[in-house]
Amino acid sequence: MPEKSYQDVNAEAITRWIAEGWEWGRPISHEEYARAVDGDWQILLTPTKPVPRAWFPPLAGTRVLGLASGGGQQMPLLTAAGARCTVLDYSEKQLESERMVAQRESYDITIVRADMTKRLPFDDNSFDLIFHPV
């Protein structure tokens, strides 16, 4: 039997953590998305500390790459704030959450399954902002 890649081992671990209630695997609610559309949002990098809003550029029309940002948390909020988002993650389970939130809230997002330790499948200058929550 061939040895599993580290990417697959990591993806399996994340799937297990999500099943166990991992907070970074819980997509935002409809209510959180609706508040974000009204301008009331914050993005956490740790369980308790939000990223200062001043660190973000004006988001309307900004092309954002969520690097290893699957899970349906950060990209929905940035989309609600007007950004055009792409999310890249290796975990299918995390990407499923992105799809679910985008479908539930009726917005477009580009979803890419790839390994961030490899060459990314994007042209240079494809994004104005890269958000990496890990």
Protein backbone atom coordinates (compact mmCIF):
# COMPACT_ATOMS: atom_id res chain seq x y z
CA MET A 1 0.00 0.00 0.00
CA PRO A 2 1.47 3.40 -0.96
CA GLU A 3 2.28 5.81 1.83
CA LYS A 4 -0.16 8.72 2.23
CA SER A 5 1.06 12.18 1.35
CA TYR A 6 1.39 14.72 4.12
CA GLN A 7 -1.36 16.72 2.41
CA ASP A 8 -3.79 13.82 2.68
CA VAL A 9 -2.80 13.12 6.28
CA ASN A 10 -3.40 16.79 7.14
CA ALA A 11 -6.75 16.84 5.29
CA GLU A 12 -7.88 13.74 7.18
CA ALA A 13 -6.90 15.36 10.48
CA ILE A 14 -8.91 18.48 9.64
CA THR A 15 -11.93 16.36 8.69
CA ARG A 16 -11.67 14.63 12.07
CA TRP A 17 -11.31 17.94 13.92
CA ILE A 18 -14.39 19.32 12.16
CA ALA A 19 -16.38 16.25 13.23
CA GLU A 20 -15.20 16.91 16.80
CA GLY A 21 -16.46 20.52 16.69
CA TRP A 22 -13.27 22.40 15.74
CA GLU A 23 -14.13 26.11 15.80
CA TRP A 24 -12.20 26.85 12.59
CA GLY A 25 -14.37 24.33 10.78
CA ARG A 26 -17.73 25.90 11.67
CA PRO A 27 -19.12 28.13 8.92
CA ILE A 28 -20.71 31.43 9.82
CA SER A 29 -24.46 31.62 10.27
CA HIS A 30 -26.92 33.44 8.04
CA GLU A 31 -27.30 36.04 10.79
CA GLU A 32 -23.54 36.68 10.89
CA TYR A 33 -23.50 37.07 7.11
CA ALA A 34 -26.45 39.48 7.19
CA ARG A 35 -24.71 41.61 9.84
CA ALA A 36 -21.57 41.65 7.69
CA VAL A 37 -23.57 42.90 4.69
CA ASP A 38 -24.65 45.78 6.98
CA GLY A 39 -20.98 46.49 7.83
CA ASP A 40 -20.88 44.72 11.20
CA TRP A 41 -18.10 42.14 10.89
CA GLN A 42 -14.81 41.09 12.37
CA ILE A 43 -12.37 38.38 11.44
CA LEU A 44 -10.59 36.42 14.13
CA LEU A 45 -7.02 35.14 13.78
CA THR A 46 -7.14 33.61 17.23
CA PRO A 47 -10.21 32.48 19.15
CA THR A 48 -10.42 35.88 20.87
CA LYS A 49 -8.50 38.57 18.96
CA PRO A 50 -9.97 40.16 15.83
CA VAL A 51 -7.84 41.56 13.03
CA PRO A 52 -7.97 45.37 13.29
CA ARG A 53 -10.26 46.71 10.56
CA ALA A 54 -7.62 49.33 9.73
CA TRP A 55 -5.39 46.52 8.46
CA PHE A 56 -7.82 45.90 5.59
CA PRO A 57 -7.92 48.09 2.50
CA PRO A 58 -11.28 49.34 1.26
CA LEU A 59 -12.85 46.02 0.27
CA ALA A 60 -15.37 46.99 -2.41
CA GLY A 61 -14.08 45.30 -5.57
CA THR A 62 -10.83 44.17 -3.92
CA ARG A 63 -9.59 40.83 -5.26
CA VAL A 64 -8.90 38.66 -2.21
CA LEU A 65 -7.22 35.27 -2.02
CA GLY A 66 -8.07 33.33 1.11
CA LEU A 67 -4.97 31.15 1.39
CA ALA A 68 -5.76 28.00 3.39
CA SER A 69 -8.92 29.84 4.42
CA GLY A 70 -11.59 27.23 3.83
CA GLY A 71 -14.30 26.67 6.39
CA GLY A 72 -16.88 29.29 5.50
CA GLN A 73 -15.71 31.93 7.94
CA GLN A 74 -13.41 34.63 6.58
CA MET A 75 -14.27 34.64 2.87
CA PRO A 76 -18.03 35.04 3.42
CA LEU A 77 -17.37 38.07 5.63
CA LEU A 78 -14.99 39.64 3.12
CA THR A 79 -17.47 38.92 0.31
CA ALA A 80 -20.24 40.58 2.33
CA ALA A 81 -17.94 43.60 2.66
CA GLY A 82 -17.70 43.81 -1.14
CA ALA A 83 -14.54 41.86 -1.94
CA ARG A 84 -14.28 39.47 -4.88
CA CYS A 85 -12.99 36.33 -3.17
CA THR A 86 -11.13 33.21 -4.14
CA VAL A 87 -10.47 30.57 -1.50
CA LEU A 88 -7.69 28.01 -1.73
CA ASP A 89 -7.56 25.08 0.65
CA TYR A 90 -6.50 21.45 0.50
CA SER A 91 -9.28 20.16 2.75
CA GLU A 92 -12.37 19.10 0.79
CA LYS A 93 -14.40 19.37 4.00
CA GLN A 94 -13.37 23.00 4.47
CA LEU A 95 -14.15 23.75 0.83
CA GLU A 96 -17.59 22.13 1.22
CA SER A 97 -18.33 24.72 3.92
CA GLU A 98 -17.33 27.52 1.53
CA ARG A 99 -19.69 26.14 -1.12
CA MET A 100 -22.51 25.75 1.37
CA VAL A 101 -22.28 29.34 2.66
CA ALA A 102 -21.95 30.79 -0.86
CA GLN A 103 -25.02 28.85 -2.02
CA ARG A 104 -27.02 29.74 1.09
CA GLU A 105 -26.19 33.45 0.77
CA SER A 106 -26.28 33.55 -3.07
CA TYR A 107 -22.85 34.98 -3.80
CA ASP A 108 -20.07 33.93 -6.15
CA ILE A 109 -16.71 32.70 -4.92
CA THR A 110 -13.94 30.90 -6.74
CA ILE A 111 -13.05 27.71 -4.88
CA VAL A 112 -9.71 26.03 -5.54
CA ARG A 113 -8.40 22.82 -4.01
CA ALA A 114 -4.62 23.02 -3.98
CA ASP A 115 -1.58 22.69 -1.75
CA MET A 116 -0.30 26.08 -0.64
CA THR A 117 3.23 24.69 -0.32
CA LYS A 118 3.32 24.21 -4.10
CA ARG A 119 3.27 26.77 -6.89
CA LEU A 120 -0.13 28.43 -6.75
CA PRO A 121 -2.41 28.08 -9.79
CA PHE A 122 -2.82 31.83 -10.34
CA ASP A 123 -1.19 34.40 -12.57
CA ASP A 124 0.99 37.06 -11.00
CA ASN A 125 -0.95 40.09 -9.74
CA SER A 126 -4.23 38.17 -9.59
CA PHE A 127 -5.02 39.50 -6.09
CA ASP A 128 -4.93 42.77 -4.23
CA LEU A 129 -4.92 41.11 -0.81
CA ILE A 130 -3.95 37.66 0.43
CA PHE A 131 -5.53 36.61 3.71
CA HIS A 132 -3.97 33.64 5.49
CA PRO A 133 -5.55 32.84 8.87
CA VAL A 134 -3.24 30.01 9.91
